[in-house]
Amino acid sequence: MTKSFRDDPFAIPQIKEKDIKKGVMSLINRGLVPREVDLTPAFERGGPMFTLQKLKYFHIVLLF
């Protein structure tokens, strides 16, 4: 973080694309996102990341 951001608690951090690609934990550990911020709404947009569904089973007969 830059010195101006560390000295001013009300400054808005400049988060770059490369910072975002490193992940949420990296942003929190580096102090760009405060630990007490609720990030739940950011992850609720759209559908879930993973969905469960029945496995499709195909019976294949190999003849040699």
PDB file of N, CA and C in Angstrom:
ATOM      1  N   MET A   1       0.835  -1.179   0.000  1.00  0.00           N
ATOM      2  CA  MET A   1       0.000   0.000   0.000  1.00  0.00           C
ATOM      3  C   MET A   1       0.879   1.242   0.000  1.00  0.00           C
ATOM      4  N   THR A   2       0.359   2.276  -0.596  1.00  0.00           N
ATOM      5  CA  THR A   2       1.104   3.521  -0.620  1.00  0.00           C
ATOM      6  C   THR A   2       1.022   4.207   0.738  1.00  0.00           C
ATOM      7  N   LYS A   3       1.994   5.075   1.002  1.00  0.00           N
ATOM      8  CA  LYS A   3       2.057   5.771   2.290  1.00  0.00           C
ATOM      9  C   LYS A   3       0.831   6.654   2.499  1.00  0.00           C
ATOM     10  N   SER A   4       0.345   7.307   1.429  1.00  0.00           N
ATOM     11  CA  SER A   4      -0.822   8.183   1.573  1.00  0.00           C
ATOM     12  C   SER A   4      -2.054   7.400   2.027  1.00  0.00           C
ATOM     13  N   PHE A   5      -2.187   6.175   1.568  1.00  0.00           N
ATOM     14  CA  PHE A   5      -3.328   5.361   1.977  1.00  0.00           C
ATOM     15  C   PHE A   5      -3.173   4.905   3.429  1.00  0.00           C
ATOM     16  N   ARG A   6      -1.964   4.536   3.834  1.00  0.00           N
ATOM     17  CA  ARG A   6      -1.736   4.089   5.211  1.00  0.00           C
ATOM     18  C   ARG A   6      -1.950   5.212   6.211  1.00  0.00           C
ATOM     19  N   ASP A   7      -1.624   6.451   5.826  1.00  0.00           N
ATOM     20  CA  ASP A   7      -1.754   7.593   6.733  1.00  0.00           C
ATOM     21  C   ASP A   7      -3.178   8.115   6.845  1.00  0.00           C
ATOM     22  N   ASP A   8      -3.979   7.929   5.792  1.00  0.00           N
ATOM     23  CA  ASP A   8      -5.352   8.441   5.771  1.00  0.00           C
ATOM     24  C   ASP A   8      -6.339   7.273   5.849  1.00  0.00           C
ATOM     25  N   PRO A   9      -6.979   7.063   6.984  1.00  0.00           N
ATOM     26  CA  PRO A   9      -7.887   5.918   7.105  1.00  0.00           C
ATOM     27  C   PRO A   9      -9.149   6.043   6.254  1.00  0.00           C
ATOM     28  N   PHE A  10      -9.458   7.243   5.757  1.00  0.00           N
ATOM     29  CA  PHE A  10     -10.658   7.429   4.943  1.00  0.00           C
ATOM     30  C   PHE A  10     -10.361   7.396   3.453  1.00  0.00           C
ATOM     31  N   ALA A  11      -9.111   7.178   3.077  1.00  0.00           N
ATOM     32  CA  ALA A  11      -8.753   7.122   1.662  1.00  0.00           C
ATOM     33  C   ALA A  11      -9.307   5.846   1.038  1.00  0.00           C
ATOM     34  N   ILE A  12      -9.640   5.931  -0.227  1.00  0.00           N
ATOM     35  CA  ILE A  12     -10.145   4.772  -0.967  1.00  0.00           C
ATOM     36  C   ILE A  12      -8.952   4.097  -1.654  1.00  0.00           C
ATOM     37  N   PRO A  13      -8.709   2.820  -1.381  1.00  0.00           N
ATOM     38  CA  PRO A  13      -7.544   2.149  -1.979  1.00  0.00           C
ATOM     39  C   PRO A  13      -7.721   1.962  -3.480  1.00  0.00           C
ATOM     40  N   GLN A  14      -6.638   2.046  -4.193  1.00  0.00           N
ATOM     41  CA  GLN A  14      -6.645   1.813  -5.632  1.00  0.00           C
ATOM     42  C   GLN A  14      -6.338   0.340  -5.872  1.00  0.00           C
ATOM     43  N   ILE A  15      -7.370  -0.438  -6.115  1.00  0.00           N
ATOM     44  CA  ILE A  15      -7.202  -1.876  -6.341  1.00  0.00           C
ATOM     45  C   ILE A  15      -7.108  -2.101  -7.841  1.00  0.00           C
ATOM     46  N   LYS A  16      -6.036  -2.724  -8.251  1.00  0.00           N
ATOM     47  CA  LYS A  16      -5.789  -2.975  -9.671  1.00  0.00           C
ATOM     48  C   LYS A  16      -6.231  -4.386 -10.053  1.00  0.00           C
ATOM     49  N   GLU A  17      -6.314  -4.633 -11.341  1.00  0.00           N
ATOM     50  CA  GLU A  17      -6.744  -5.931 -11.852  1.00  0.00           C
ATOM     51  C   GLU A  17      -5.839  -7.055 -11.356  1.00  0.00           C
ATOM     52  N   LYS A  18      -4.534  -6.803 -11.307  1.00  0.00           N
ATOM     53  CA  LYS A  18      -3.610  -7.851 -10.854  1.00  0.00           C
ATOM     54  C   LYS A  18      -3.841  -8.192  -9.377  1.00  0.00           C
ATOM     55  N   ASP A  19      -4.284  -7.198  -8.579  1.00  0.00           N
ATOM     56  CA  ASP A  19      -4.599  -7.460  -7.172  1.00  0.00           C
ATOM     57  C   ASP A  19      -5.830  -8.346  -7.054  1.00  0.00           C
ATOM     58  N   ILE A  20      -6.805  -8.111  -7.903  1.00  0.00           N
ATOM     59  CA  ILE A  20      -8.043  -8.891  -7.873  1.00  0.00           C
ATOM     60  C   ILE A  20      -7.774 -10.334  -8.280  1.00  0.00           C
ATOM     61  N   LYS A  21      -6.892 -10.527  -9.252  1.00  0.00           N
ATOM     62  CA  LYS A  21      -6.586 -11.882  -9.721  1.00  0.00           C
ATOM     63  C   LYS A  21      -5.887 -12.717  -8.659  1.00  0.00           C
ATOM     64  N   LYS A  22      -5.251 -12.074  -7.678  1.00  0.00           N
ATOM     65  CA  LYS A  22      -4.580 -12.811  -6.606  1.00  0.00           C
ATOM     66  C   LYS A  22      -5.568 -13.376  -5.608  1.00  0.00           C
ATOM     67  N   GLY A  23      -6.794 -12.854  -5.572  1.00  0.00           N
ATOM     68  CA  GLY A  23      -7.828 -13.430  -4.724  1.00  0.00           C
ATOM     69  C   GLY A  23      -8.230 -12.560  -3.551  1.00  0.00           C
ATOM     70  N   VAL A  24      -9.355 -12.922  -2.963  1.00  0.00           N
ATOM     71  CA  VAL A  24      -9.939 -12.166  -1.864  1.00  0.00           C
ATOM     72  C   VAL A  24      -9.054 -12.220  -0.623  1.00  0.00           C
ATOM     73  N   MET A  25      -8.508 -13.390  -0.315  1.00  0.00           N
ATOM     74  CA  MET A  25      -7.665 -13.506   0.876  1.00  0.00           C
ATOM     75  C   MET A  25      -6.436 -12.612   0.766  1.00  0.00           C
ATOM     76  N   SER A  26      -5.886 -12.487  -0.424  1.00  0.00           N
ATOM     77  CA  SER A  26      -4.738 -11.606  -0.625  1.00  0.00           C
ATOM     78  C   SER A  26      -5.128 -10.152  -0.367  1.00  0.00           C
ATOM     79  N   LEU A  27      -6.309  -9.748  -0.828  1.00  0.00           N
ATOM     80  CA  LEU A  27      -6.777  -8.374  -0.606  1.00  0.00           C
ATOM     81  C   LEU A  27      -6.966  -8.092   0.886  1.00  0.00           C
ATOM     82  N   ILE A  28      -7.484  -9.066   1.612  1.00  0.00           N
ATOM     83  CA  ILE A  28      -7.701  -8.891   3.048  1.00  0.00           C
ATOM     84  C   ILE A  28      -6.364  -8.873   3.796  1.00  0.00           C
ATOM     85  N   ASN A  29      -5.486  -9.807   3.460  1.00  0.00           N
ATOM     86  CA  ASN A  29      -4.193  -9.880   4.144  1.00  0.00           C
ATOM     87  C   ASN A  29      -3.335  -8.642   3.904  1.00  0.00           C
ATOM     88  N   ARG A  30      -3.445  -8.037   2.746  1.00  0.00           N
ATOM     89  CA  ARG A  30      -2.659  -6.851   2.422  1.00  0.00           C
ATOM     90  C   ARG A  30      -3.305  -5.576   2.932  1.00  0.00           C
ATOM     91  N   GLY A  31      -4.510  -5.675   3.481  1.00  0.00           N
ATOM     92  CA  GLY A  31      -5.172  -4.515   4.063  1.00  0.00           C
ATOM     93  C   GLY A  31      -5.956  -3.680   3.075  1.00  0.00           C
ATOM     94  N   LEU A  32      -6.136  -4.159   1.848  1.00  0.00           N
ATOM     95  CA  LEU A  32      -6.906  -3.413   0.857  1.00  0.00           C
ATOM     96  C   LEU A  32      -8.402  -3.527   1.122  1.00  0.00           C
ATOM     97  N   VAL A  33      -8.809  -4.625   1.742  1.00  0.00           N
ATOM     98  CA  VAL A  33     -10.198  -4.819   2.162  1.00  0.00           C
ATOM     99  C   VAL A  33     -10.154  -5.074   3.662  1.00  0.00           C
ATOM    100  N   PRO A  34     -10.847  -4.262   4.452  1.00  0.00           N
ATOM    101  CA  PRO A  34     -10.821  -4.470   5.909  1.00  0.00           C
ATOM    102  C   PRO A  34     -11.396  -5.822   6.307  1.00  0.00           C
ATOM    103  N   ARG A  35     -10.858  -6.399   7.355  1.00  0.00           N
ATOM    104  CA  ARG A  35     -11.298  -7.722   7.810  1.00  0.00           C
ATOM    105  C   ARG A  35     -12.756  -7.730   8.260  1.00  0.00           C
ATOM    106  N   GLU A  36     -13.246  -6.611   8.768  1.00  0.00           N
ATOM    107  CA  GLU A  36     -14.609  -6.588   9.297  1.00  0.00           C
ATOM    108  C   GLU A  36     -15.689  -6.355   8.239  1.00  0.00           C
ATOM    109  N   VAL A  37     -15.315  -6.232   6.969  1.00  0.00           N
ATOM    110  CA  VAL A  37     -16.278  -6.019   5.896  1.00  0.00           C
ATOM    111  C   VAL A  37     -16.990  -7.335   5.584  1.00  0.00           C
ATOM    112  N   ASP A  38     -18.321  -7.288   5.457  1.00  0.00           N
ATOM    113  CA  ASP A  38     -19.107  -8.469   5.097  1.00  0.00           C
ATOM    114  C   ASP A  38     -19.101  -8.590   3.575  1.00  0.00           C
ATOM    115  N   LEU A  39     -18.437  -9.608   3.058  1.00  0.00           N
ATOM    116  CA  LEU A  39     -18.324  -9.814   1.614  1.00  0.00           C
ATOM    117  C   LEU A  39     -19.413 -10.727   1.052  1.00  0.00           C
ATOM    118  N   THR A  40     -20.355 -11.129   1.876  1.00  0.00           N
ATOM    119  CA  THR A  40     -21.408 -12.036   1.435  1.00  0.00           C
ATOM    120  C   THR A  40     -22.172 -11.507   0.222  1.00  0.00           C
ATOM    121  N   PRO A  41     -22.595 -10.237   0.182  1.00  0.00           N
ATOM    122  CA  PRO A  41     -23.334  -9.764  -0.988  1.00  0.00           C
ATOM    123  C   PRO A  41     -22.533  -9.846  -2.296  1.00  0.00           C
ATOM    124  N   ALA A  42     -21.235  -9.713  -2.214  1.00  0.00           N
ATOM    125  CA  ALA A  42     -20.414  -9.790  -3.426  1.00  0.00           C
ATOM    126  C   ALA A  42     -20.429 -11.184  -4.030  1.00  0.00           C
ATOM    127  N   PHE A  43     -20.603 -12.204  -3.185  1.00  0.00           N
ATOM    128  CA  PHE A  43     -20.598 -13.579  -3.677  1.00  0.00           C
ATOM    129  C   PHE A  43     -21.995 -14.110  -3.964  1.00  0.00           C
ATOM    130  N   GLU A  44     -23.034 -13.338  -3.672  1.00  0.00           N
ATOM    131  CA  GLU A  44     -24.401 -13.807  -3.898  1.00  0.00           C
ATOM    132  C   GLU A  44     -24.948 -13.403  -5.259  1.00  0.00           C
ATOM    133  N   ARG A  45     -24.236 -12.632  -6.017  1.00  0.00           N
ATOM    134  CA  ARG A  45     -24.725 -12.235  -7.349  1.00  0.00           C
ATOM    135  C   ARG A  45     -24.714 -13.438  -8.274  1.00  0.00           C
ATOM    136  N   GLY A  46     -25.731 -13.518  -9.109  1.00  0.00           N
ATOM    137  CA  GLY A  46     -25.791 -14.620 -10.052  1.00  0.00           C
ATOM    138  C   GLY A  46     -26.075 -15.937  -9.361  1.00  0.00           C
ATOM    139  N   GLY A  47     -25.754 -16.995 -10.050  1.00  0.00           N
ATOM    140  CA  GLY A  47     -25.983 -18.325  -9.504  1.00  0.00           C
ATOM    141  C   GLY A  47     -24.829 -18.781  -8.640  1.00  0.00           C
ATOM    142  N   PRO A  48     -25.005 -19.930  -8.034  1.00  0.00           N
ATOM    143  CA  PRO A  48     -23.933 -20.469  -7.189  1.00  0.00           C
ATOM    144  C   PRO A  48     -22.741 -20.892  -8.038  1.00  0.00           C
ATOM    145  N   MET A  49     -21.566 -20.925  -7.411  1.00  0.00           N
ATOM    146  CA  MET A  49     -20.373 -21.321  -8.144  1.00  0.00           C
ATOM    147  C   MET A  49     -20.421 -22.793  -8.530  1.00  0.00           C
ATOM    148  N   PHE A  50     -20.971 -23.618  -7.665  1.00  0.00           N
ATOM    149  CA  PHE A  50     -21.066 -25.048  -7.925  1.00  0.00           C
ATOM    150  C   PHE A  50     -22.497 -25.494  -7.714  1.00  0.00           C
ATOM    151  N   THR A  51     -22.939 -26.412  -8.535  1.00  0.00           N
ATOM    152  CA  THR A  51     -24.265 -26.993  -8.353  1.00  0.00           C
ATOM    153  C   THR A  51     -24.129 -28.511  -8.307  1.00  0.00           C
ATOM    154  N   LEU A  52     -25.006 -29.128  -7.560  1.00  0.00           N
ATOM    155  CA  LEU A  52     -25.021 -30.579  -7.470  1.00  0.00           C
ATOM    156  C   LEU A  52     -26.097 -31.122  -8.386  1.00  0.00           C
ATOM    157  N   GLN A  53     -25.764 -32.168  -9.091  1.00  0.00           N
ATOM    158  CA  GLN A  53     -26.747 -32.812  -9.944  1.00  0.00           C
ATOM    159  C   GLN A  53     -26.413 -34.293 -10.043  1.00  0.00           C
ATOM    160  N   LYS A  54     -27.376 -35.059 -10.482  1.00  0.00           N
ATOM    161  CA  LYS A  54     -27.177 -36.491 -10.595  1.00  0.00           C
ATOM    162  C   LYS A  54     -26.110 -36.786 -11.644  1.00  0.00           C
ATOM    163  N   LEU A  55     -25.340 -37.820 -11.372  1.00  0.00           N
ATOM    164  CA  LEU A  55     -24.326 -38.260 -12.304  1.00  0.00           C
ATOM    165  C   LEU A  55     -24.996 -39.021 -13.437  1.00  0.00           C
ATOM    166  N   LYS A  56     -24.630 -38.688 -14.655  1.00  0.00           N
ATOM    167  CA  LYS A  56     -25.169 -39.396 -15.815  1.00  0.00           C
ATOM    168  C   LYS A  56     -24.303 -40.630 -16.050  1.00  0.00           C
ATOM    169  N   TYR A  57     -24.927 -41.786 -16.001  1.00  0.00           N
ATOM    170  CA  TYR A  57     -24.217 -43.043 -16.126  1.00  0.00           C
ATOM    171  C   TYR A  57     -24.519 -43.632 -17.492  1.00  0.00           C
ATOM    172  N   PHE A  58     -23.480 -43.924 -18.224  1.00  0.00           N
ATOM    173  CA  PHE A  58     -23.630 -44.536 -19.537  1.00  0.00           C
ATOM    174  C   PHE A  58     -23.009 -45.917 -19.492  1.00  0.00           C
ATOM    175  N   HIS A  59     -23.789 -46.912 -19.892  1.00  0.00           N
ATOM    176  CA  HIS A  59     -23.300 -48.274 -19.923  1.00  0.00           C
ATOM    177  C   HIS A  59     -22.657 -48.488 -21.298  1.00  0.00           C
ATOM    178  N   ILE A  60     -21.363 -48.743 -21.299  1.00  0.00           N
ATOM    179  CA  ILE A  60     -20.643 -48.930 -22.551  1.00  0.00           C
ATOM    180  C   ILE A  60     -20.125 -50.359 -22.587  1.00  0.00           C
ATOM    181  N   VAL A  61     -20.392 -50.984 -23.682  1.00  0.00           N
ATOM    182  CA  VAL A  61     -19.926 -52.358 -23.876  1.00  0.00           C
ATOM    183  C   VAL A  61     -18.809 -52.320 -24.905  1.00  0.00           C
ATOM    184  N   LEU A  62     -17.647 -52.795 -24.509  1.00  0.00           N
ATOM    185  CA  LEU A  62     -16.517 -52.844 -25.419  1.00  0.00           C
ATOM    186  C   LEU A  62     -16.366 -54.263 -25.946  1.00  0.00           C
ATOM    187  N   LEU A  63     -16.324 -54.404 -27.226  1.00  0.00           N
ATOM    188  CA  LEU A  63     -16.160 -55.713 -27.844  1.00  0.00           C
ATOM    189  C   LEU A  63     -14.804 -55.741 -28.540  1.00  0.00           C
ATOM    190  N   PHE A  64     -14.051 -56.740 -28.209  1.00  0.00           N
ATOM    191  CA  PHE A  64     -12.720 -56.876 -28.840  1.00  0.00           C
ATOM    192  C   PHE A  64     -12.704 -58.109 -29.694  1.00  0.00           C
TER     193      PHE A  64
END
